[in-house]
Amino acid sequence: MKTLDEFVEMFAELFDETDSNVFSPDTDYRELDEWSSLIGLSLIAMVDEEFGVALKANDFRSVTTIEDVYNTILSKL
């Protein structure tokens, strides 16, 4: 099982132009200039591959931070 810190690193790797130093569990990823629906799809694919969890668009409606996404994944394991 990946730790929260490992998940933050994996999350940061989805972004090409955003400095990895801006990513922390408390980061509101939707406020990042580079955030897009394409990165959202990449996130869904990464979570499926790494955790075996299928996230849906509804799972993102109530989350705002990277830690929220991580906790959503944990709740589905």
PDB file of N, CA and C in Angstrom:
ATOM      1  N   MET A   1       0.833  -1.185   0.000  1.00  0.00           N
ATOM      2  CA  MET A   1       0.000   0.000   0.000  1.00  0.00           C
ATOM      3  C   MET A   1       0.876   1.246   0.000  1.00  0.00           C
ATOM      4  N   LYS A   2       0.548   2.167  -0.839  1.00  0.00           N
ATOM      5  CA  LYS A   2       1.284   3.427  -0.935  1.00  0.00           C
ATOM      6  C   LYS A   2       0.907   4.345   0.235  1.00  0.00           C
ATOM      7  N   THR A   3       1.908   5.046   0.740  1.00  0.00           N
ATOM      8  CA  THR A   3       1.655   6.035   1.786  1.00  0.00           C
ATOM      9  C   THR A   3       1.123   7.311   1.140  1.00  0.00           C
ATOM     10  N   LEU A   4       0.639   8.224   1.965  1.00  0.00           N
ATOM     11  CA  LEU A   4       0.162   9.509   1.459  1.00  0.00           C
ATOM     12  C   LEU A   4       1.284  10.259   0.752  1.00  0.00           C
ATOM     13  N   ASP A   5       2.473  10.254   1.328  1.00  0.00           N
ATOM     14  CA  ASP A   5       3.606  10.951   0.701  1.00  0.00           C
ATOM     15  C   ASP A   5       3.950  10.343  -0.655  1.00  0.00           C
ATOM     16  N   GLU A   6       3.899   9.025  -0.766  1.00  0.00           N
ATOM     17  CA  GLU A   6       4.162   8.371  -2.054  1.00  0.00           C
ATOM     18  C   GLU A   6       3.083   8.742  -3.066  1.00  0.00           C
ATOM     19  N   PHE A   7       1.839   8.824  -2.603  1.00  0.00           N
ATOM     20  CA  PHE A   7       0.751   9.208  -3.492  1.00  0.00           C
ATOM     21  C   PHE A   7       0.932  10.640  -3.988  1.00  0.00           C
ATOM     22  N   VAL A   8       1.351  11.530  -3.106  1.00  0.00           N
ATOM     23  CA  VAL A   8       1.601  12.922  -3.508  1.00  0.00           C
ATOM     24  C   VAL A   8       2.666  12.959  -4.607  1.00  0.00           C
ATOM     25  N   GLU A   9       3.717  12.176  -4.465  1.00  0.00           N
ATOM     26  CA  GLU A   9       4.766  12.117  -5.492  1.00  0.00           C
ATOM     27  C   GLU A   9       4.212  11.591  -6.813  1.00  0.00           C
ATOM     28  N   MET A  10       3.399  10.549  -6.751  1.00  0.00           N
ATOM     29  CA  MET A  10       2.798   9.996  -7.968  1.00  0.00           C
ATOM     30  C   MET A  10       1.862  11.010  -8.614  1.00  0.00           C
ATOM     31  N   PHE A  11       1.114  11.718  -7.792  1.00  0.00           N
ATOM     32  CA  PHE A  11       0.205  12.753  -8.280  1.00  0.00           C
ATOM     33  C   PHE A  11       0.998  13.835  -9.004  1.00  0.00           C
ATOM     34  N   ALA A  12       2.092  14.270  -8.403  1.00  0.00           N
ATOM     35  CA  ALA A  12       2.919  15.331  -8.982  1.00  0.00           C
ATOM     36  C   ALA A  12       3.492  14.924 -10.336  1.00  0.00           C
ATOM     37  N   GLU A  13       3.774  13.640 -10.508  1.00  0.00           N
ATOM     38  CA  GLU A  13       4.346  13.156 -11.767  1.00  0.00           C
ATOM     39  C   GLU A  13       3.380  13.297 -12.940  1.00  0.00           C
ATOM     40  N   LEU A  14       2.101  13.494 -12.673  1.00  0.00           N
ATOM     41  CA  LEU A  14       1.116  13.683 -13.740  1.00  0.00           C
ATOM     42  C   LEU A  14       1.233  15.063 -14.382  1.00  0.00           C
ATOM     43  N   PHE A  15       1.923  15.964 -13.708  1.00  0.00           N
ATOM     44  CA  PHE A  15       2.055  17.347 -14.170  1.00  0.00           C
ATOM     45  C   PHE A  15       3.440  17.554 -14.772  1.00  0.00           C
ATOM     46  N   ASP A  16       3.484  18.077 -15.987  1.00  0.00           N
ATOM     47  CA  ASP A  16       4.756  18.289 -16.678  1.00  0.00           C
ATOM     48  C   ASP A  16       5.383  19.641 -16.365  1.00  0.00           C
ATOM     49  N   GLU A  17       4.561  20.661 -16.205  1.00  0.00           N
ATOM     50  CA  GLU A  17       5.074  22.026 -16.111  1.00  0.00           C
ATOM     51  C   GLU A  17       5.031  22.618 -14.699  1.00  0.00           C
ATOM     52  N   THR A  18       4.371  21.936 -13.778  1.00  0.00           N
ATOM     53  CA  THR A  18       4.244  22.455 -12.416  1.00  0.00           C
ATOM     54  C   THR A  18       5.379  21.911 -11.563  1.00  0.00           C
ATOM     55  N   ASP A  19       6.061  22.789 -10.854  1.00  0.00           N
ATOM     56  CA  ASP A  19       7.180  22.388 -10.006  1.00  0.00           C
ATOM     57  C   ASP A  19       6.689  21.428  -8.922  1.00  0.00           C
ATOM     58  N   SER A  20       7.431  20.370  -8.705  1.00  0.00           N
ATOM     59  CA  SER A  20       7.014  19.350  -7.741  1.00  0.00           C
ATOM     60  C   SER A  20       6.971  19.877  -6.314  1.00  0.00           C
ATOM     61  N   ASN A  21       7.629  20.994  -6.043  1.00  0.00           N
ATOM     62  CA  ASN A  21       7.635  21.568  -4.697  1.00  0.00           C
ATOM     63  C   ASN A  21       6.281  22.123  -4.268  1.00  0.00           C
ATOM     64  N   VAL A  22       5.379  22.357  -5.215  1.00  0.00           N
ATOM     65  CA  VAL A  22       4.075  22.916  -4.852  1.00  0.00           C
ATOM     66  C   VAL A  22       3.099  21.835  -4.383  1.00  0.00           C
ATOM     67  N   PHE A  23       3.485  20.586  -4.529  1.00  0.00           N
ATOM     68  CA  PHE A  23       2.583  19.496  -4.178  1.00  0.00           C
ATOM     69  C   PHE A  23       2.789  19.038  -2.741  1.00  0.00           C
ATOM     70  N   SER A  24       1.687  19.001  -2.002  1.00  0.00           N
ATOM     71  CA  SER A  24       1.671  18.486  -0.637  1.00  0.00           C
ATOM     72  C   SER A  24       0.287  17.886  -0.427  1.00  0.00           C
ATOM     73  N   PRO A  25       0.074  17.186   0.670  1.00  0.00           N
ATOM     74  CA  PRO A  25      -1.264  16.635   0.911  1.00  0.00           C
ATOM     75  C   PRO A  25      -2.362  17.699   0.910  1.00  0.00           C
ATOM     76  N   ASP A  26      -2.021  18.923   1.303  1.00  0.00           N
ATOM     77  CA  ASP A  26      -3.012  19.998   1.395  1.00  0.00           C
ATOM     78  C   ASP A  26      -3.205  20.783   0.097  1.00  0.00           C
ATOM     79  N   THR A  27      -2.485  20.439  -0.941  1.00  0.00           N
ATOM     80  CA  THR A  27      -2.588  21.168  -2.208  1.00  0.00           C
ATOM     81  C   THR A  27      -3.984  21.019  -2.810  1.00  0.00           C
ATOM     82  N   ASP A  28      -4.606  22.144  -3.134  1.00  0.00           N
ATOM     83  CA  ASP A  28      -5.863  22.143  -3.868  1.00  0.00           C
ATOM     84  C   ASP A  28      -5.497  22.047  -5.350  1.00  0.00           C
ATOM     85  N   TYR A  29      -5.510  20.833  -5.840  1.00  0.00           N
ATOM     86  CA  TYR A  29      -5.007  20.574  -7.200  1.00  0.00           C
ATOM     87  C   TYR A  29      -5.813  21.279  -8.278  1.00  0.00           C
ATOM     88  N   ARG A  30      -7.063  21.575  -8.023  1.00  0.00           N
ATOM     89  CA  ARG A  30      -7.898  22.247  -9.027  1.00  0.00           C
ATOM     90  C   ARG A  30      -7.480  23.694  -9.256  1.00  0.00           C
ATOM     91  N   GLU A  31      -6.755  24.261  -8.318  1.00  0.00           N
ATOM     92  CA  GLU A  31      -6.291  25.645  -8.457  1.00  0.00           C
ATOM     93  C   GLU A  31      -4.979  25.739  -9.233  1.00  0.00           C
ATOM     94  N   LEU A  32      -4.360  24.614  -9.543  1.00  0.00           N
ATOM     95  CA  LEU A  32      -3.110  24.626 -10.305  1.00  0.00           C
ATOM     96  C   LEU A  32      -3.410  24.974 -11.757  1.00  0.00           C
ATOM     97  N   ASP A  33      -2.593  25.854 -12.334  1.00  0.00           N
ATOM     98  CA  ASP A  33      -2.809  26.292 -13.710  1.00  0.00           C
ATOM     99  C   ASP A  33      -2.824  25.129 -14.693  1.00  0.00           C
ATOM    100  N   GLU A  34      -2.037  24.109 -14.414  1.00  0.00           N
ATOM    101  CA  GLU A  34      -1.895  22.989 -15.354  1.00  0.00           C
ATOM    102  C   GLU A  34      -3.027  21.965 -15.238  1.00  0.00           C
ATOM    103  N   TRP A  35      -3.834  22.024 -14.179  1.00  0.00           N
ATOM    104  CA  TRP A  35      -4.902  21.045 -14.001  1.00  0.00           C
ATOM    105  C   TRP A  35      -5.865  21.101 -15.187  1.00  0.00           C
ATOM    106  N   SER A  36      -6.205  19.938 -15.710  1.00  0.00           N
ATOM    107  CA  SER A  36      -7.119  19.857 -16.844  1.00  0.00           C
ATOM    108  C   SER A  36      -7.861  18.529 -16.789  1.00  0.00           C
ATOM    109  N   SER A  37      -8.841  18.398 -17.642  1.00  0.00           N
ATOM    110  CA  SER A  37      -9.584  17.141 -17.700  1.00  0.00           C
ATOM    111  C   SER A  37      -8.674  15.999 -18.159  1.00  0.00           C
ATOM    112  N   LEU A  38      -7.682  16.307 -18.978  1.00  0.00           N
ATOM    113  CA  LEU A  38      -6.740  15.271 -19.422  1.00  0.00           C
ATOM    114  C   LEU A  38      -5.915  14.743 -18.247  1.00  0.00           C
ATOM    115  N   ILE A  39      -5.472  15.623 -17.377  1.00  0.00           N
ATOM    116  CA  ILE A  39      -4.736  15.174 -16.190  1.00  0.00           C
ATOM    117  C   ILE A  39      -5.688  14.407 -15.275  1.00  0.00           C
ATOM    118  N   GLY A  40      -6.942  14.835 -15.212  1.00  0.00           N
ATOM    119  CA  GLY A  40      -7.935  14.097 -14.432  1.00  0.00           C
ATOM    120  C   GLY A  40      -8.091  12.671 -14.919  1.00  0.00           C
ATOM    121  N   LEU A  41      -8.131  12.493 -16.228  1.00  0.00           N
ATOM    122  CA  LEU A  41      -8.209  11.143 -16.799  1.00  0.00           C
ATOM    123  C   LEU A  41      -6.943  10.346 -16.508  1.00  0.00           C
ATOM    124  N   SER A  42      -5.809  11.012 -16.563  1.00  0.00           N
ATOM    125  CA  SER A  42      -4.541  10.345 -16.229  1.00  0.00           C
ATOM    126  C   SER A  42      -4.526   9.916 -14.770  1.00  0.00           C
ATOM    127  N   LEU A  43      -5.094  10.749 -13.901  1.00  0.00           N
ATOM    128  CA  LEU A  43      -5.191  10.415 -12.486  1.00  0.00           C
ATOM    129  C   LEU A  43      -6.066   9.177 -12.280  1.00  0.00           C
ATOM    130  N   ILE A  44      -7.202   9.131 -12.947  1.00  0.00           N
ATOM    131  CA  ILE A  44      -8.100   7.980 -12.843  1.00  0.00           C
ATOM    132  C   ILE A  44      -7.388   6.711 -13.294  1.00  0.00           C
ATOM    133  N   ALA A  45      -6.641   6.790 -14.405  1.00  0.00           N
ATOM    134  CA  ALA A  45      -5.899   5.632 -14.914  1.00  0.00           C
ATOM    135  C   ALA A  45      -4.806   5.209 -13.941  1.00  0.00           C
ATOM    136  N   MET A  46      -4.086   6.173 -13.370  1.00  0.00           N
ATOM    137  CA  MET A  46      -3.010   5.868 -12.428  1.00  0.00           C
ATOM    138  C   MET A  46      -3.563   5.182 -11.186  1.00  0.00           C
ATOM    139  N   VAL A  47      -4.681   5.683 -10.671  1.00  0.00           N
ATOM    140  CA  VAL A  47      -5.287   5.096  -9.473  1.00  0.00           C
ATOM    141  C   VAL A  47      -5.741   3.667  -9.762  1.00  0.00           C
ATOM    142  N   ASP A  48      -6.311   3.452 -10.922  1.00  0.00           N
ATOM    143  CA  ASP A  48      -6.749   2.106 -11.301  1.00  0.00           C
ATOM    144  C   ASP A  48      -5.557   1.155 -11.380  1.00  0.00           C
ATOM    145  N   GLU A  49      -4.481   1.611 -11.995  1.00  0.00           N
ATOM    146  CA  GLU A  49      -3.292   0.770 -12.165  1.00  0.00           C
ATOM    147  C   GLU A  49      -2.574   0.511 -10.845  1.00  0.00           C
ATOM    148  N   GLU A  50      -2.390   1.535 -10.044  1.00  0.00           N
ATOM    149  CA  GLU A  50      -1.596   1.422  -8.817  1.00  0.00           C
ATOM    150  C   GLU A  50      -2.370   0.850  -7.623  1.00  0.00           C
ATOM    151  N   PHE A  51      -3.677   1.135  -7.572  1.00  0.00           N
ATOM    152  CA  PHE A  51      -4.472   0.752  -6.403  1.00  0.00           C
ATOM    153  C   PHE A  51      -5.577  -0.243  -6.727  1.00  0.00           C
ATOM    154  N   GLY A  52      -5.863  -0.427  -8.011  1.00  0.00           N
ATOM    155  CA  GLY A  52      -6.963  -1.305  -8.388  1.00  0.00           C
ATOM    156  C   GLY A  52      -8.323  -0.733  -8.029  1.00  0.00           C
ATOM    157  N   VAL A  53      -8.406   0.591  -7.985  1.00  0.00           N
ATOM    158  CA  VAL A  53      -9.642   1.284  -7.626  1.00  0.00           C
ATOM    159  C   VAL A  53     -10.118   2.088  -8.842  1.00  0.00           C
ATOM    160  N   ALA A  54     -11.390   1.917  -9.173  1.00  0.00           N
ATOM    161  CA  ALA A  54     -11.966   2.648 -10.299  1.00  0.00           C
ATOM    162  C   ALA A  54     -12.679   3.890  -9.782  1.00  0.00           C
ATOM    163  N   LEU A  55     -12.058   5.041  -9.955  1.00  0.00           N
ATOM    164  CA  LEU A  55     -12.680   6.305  -9.568  1.00  0.00           C
ATOM    165  C   LEU A  55     -13.598   6.781 -10.686  1.00  0.00           C
ATOM    166  N   LYS A  56     -14.650   7.460 -10.299  1.00  0.00           N
ATOM    167  CA  LYS A  56     -15.584   8.031 -11.261  1.00  0.00           C
ATOM    168  C   LYS A  56     -15.644   9.544 -11.044  1.00  0.00           C
ATOM    169  N   ALA A  57     -16.227  10.233 -11.982  1.00  0.00           N
ATOM    170  CA  ALA A  57     -16.321  11.696 -11.890  1.00  0.00           C
ATOM    171  C   ALA A  57     -16.995  12.126 -10.588  1.00  0.00           C
ATOM    172  N   ASN A  58     -17.996  11.394 -10.138  1.00  0.00           N
ATOM    173  CA  ASN A  58     -18.698  11.746  -8.896  1.00  0.00           C
ATOM    174  C   ASN A  58     -17.768  11.717  -7.689  1.00  0.00           C
ATOM    175  N   ASP A  59     -16.734  10.898  -7.739  1.00  0.00           N
ATOM    176  CA  ASP A  59     -15.784  10.813  -6.631  1.00  0.00           C
ATOM    177  C   ASP A  59     -14.999  12.108  -6.451  1.00  0.00           C
ATOM    178  N   PHE A  60     -14.936  12.927  -7.477  1.00  0.00           N
ATOM    179  CA  PHE A  60     -14.164  14.164  -7.433  1.00  0.00           C
ATOM    180  C   PHE A  60     -15.000  15.372  -7.029  1.00  0.00           C
ATOM    181  N   ARG A  61     -16.284  15.229  -6.944  1.00  0.00           N
ATOM    182  CA  ARG A  61     -17.152  16.377  -6.659  1.00  0.00           C
ATOM    183  C   ARG A  61     -16.953  16.937  -5.261  1.00  0.00           C
ATOM    184  N   SER A  62     -16.677  16.073  -4.297  1.00  0.00           N
ATOM    185  CA  SER A  62     -16.575  16.539  -2.910  1.00  0.00           C
ATOM    186  C   SER A  62     -15.136  16.638  -2.407  1.00  0.00           C
ATOM    187  N   VAL A  63     -14.168  16.409  -3.279  1.00  0.00           N
ATOM    188  CA  VAL A  63     -12.766  16.474  -2.851  1.00  0.00           C
ATOM    189  C   VAL A  63     -12.113  17.741  -3.390  1.00  0.00           C
ATOM    190  N   THR A  64     -11.157  18.269  -2.615  1.00  0.00           N
ATOM    191  CA  THR A  64     -10.467  19.477  -3.065  1.00  0.00           C
ATOM    192  C   THR A  64      -8.949  19.347  -2.976  1.00  0.00           C
ATOM    193  N   THR A  65      -8.463  18.487  -2.100  1.00  0.00           N
ATOM    194  CA  THR A  65      -7.018  18.368  -1.919  1.00  0.00           C
ATOM    195  C   THR A  65      -6.529  16.996  -2.366  1.00  0.00           C
ATOM    196  N   ILE A  66      -5.226  16.880  -2.502  1.00  0.00           N
ATOM    197  CA  ILE A  66      -4.629  15.597  -2.865  1.00  0.00           C
ATOM    198  C   ILE A  66      -4.912  14.569  -1.773  1.00  0.00           C
ATOM    199  N   GLU A  67      -4.872  14.994  -0.518  1.00  0.00           N
ATOM    200  CA  GLU A  67      -5.174  14.068   0.577  1.00  0.00           C
ATOM    201  C   GLU A  67      -6.625  13.593   0.507  1.00  0.00           C
ATOM    202  N   ASP A  68      -7.539  14.447   0.086  1.00  0.00           N
ATOM    203  CA  ASP A  68      -8.936  14.041  -0.090  1.00  0.00           C
ATOM    204  C   ASP A  68      -9.042  12.924  -1.132  1.00  0.00           C
ATOM    205  N   VAL A  69      -8.305  13.062  -2.217  1.00  0.00           N
ATOM    206  CA  VAL A  69      -8.319  12.023  -3.264  1.00  0.00           C
ATOM    207  C   VAL A  69      -7.773  10.718  -2.677  1.00  0.00           C
ATOM    208  N   TYR A  70      -6.670  10.815  -1.954  1.00  0.00           N
ATOM    209  CA  TYR A  70      -6.058   9.641  -1.321  1.00  0.00           C
ATOM    210  C   TYR A  70      -7.054   8.955  -0.379  1.00  0.00           C
ATOM    211  N   ASN A  71      -7.749   9.736   0.436  1.00  0.00           N
ATOM    212  CA  ASN A  71      -8.720   9.168   1.374  1.00  0.00           C
ATOM    213  C   ASN A  71      -9.892   8.530   0.646  1.00  0.00           C
ATOM    214  N   THR A  72     -10.281   9.092  -0.476  1.00  0.00           N
ATOM    215  CA  THR A  72     -11.341   8.498  -1.297  1.00  0.00           C
ATOM    216  C   THR A  72     -10.899   7.131  -1.811  1.00  0.00           C
ATOM    217  N   ILE A  73      -9.655   7.046  -2.247  1.00  0.00           N
ATOM    218  CA  ILE A  73      -9.101   5.762  -2.704  1.00  0.00           C
ATOM    219  C   ILE A  73      -9.134   4.749  -1.574  1.00  0.00           C
ATOM    220  N   LEU A  74      -8.650   5.144  -0.403  1.00  0.00           N
ATOM    221  CA  LEU A  74      -8.626   4.240   0.756  1.00  0.00           C
ATOM    222  C   LEU A  74     -10.021   3.743   1.109  1.00  0.00           C
ATOM    223  N   SER A  75     -11.011   4.602   0.971  1.00  0.00           N
ATOM    224  CA  SER A  75     -12.382   4.211   1.317  1.00  0.00           C
ATOM    225  C   SER A  75     -12.937   3.166   0.360  1.00  0.00           C
ATOM    226  N   LYS A  76     -12.316   3.019  -0.813  1.00  0.00           N
ATOM    227  CA  LYS A  76     -12.795   2.066  -1.814  1.00  0.00           C
ATOM    228  C   LYS A  76     -11.997   0.770  -1.839  1.00  0.00           C
ATOM    229  N   LEU A  77     -10.979   0.685  -1.016  1.00  0.00           N
ATOM    230  CA  LEU A  77     -10.166  -0.538  -0.974  1.00  0.00           C
ATOM    231  C   LEU A  77     -10.872  -1.628  -0.203  1.00  0.00           C
TER     232      LEU A  77
END
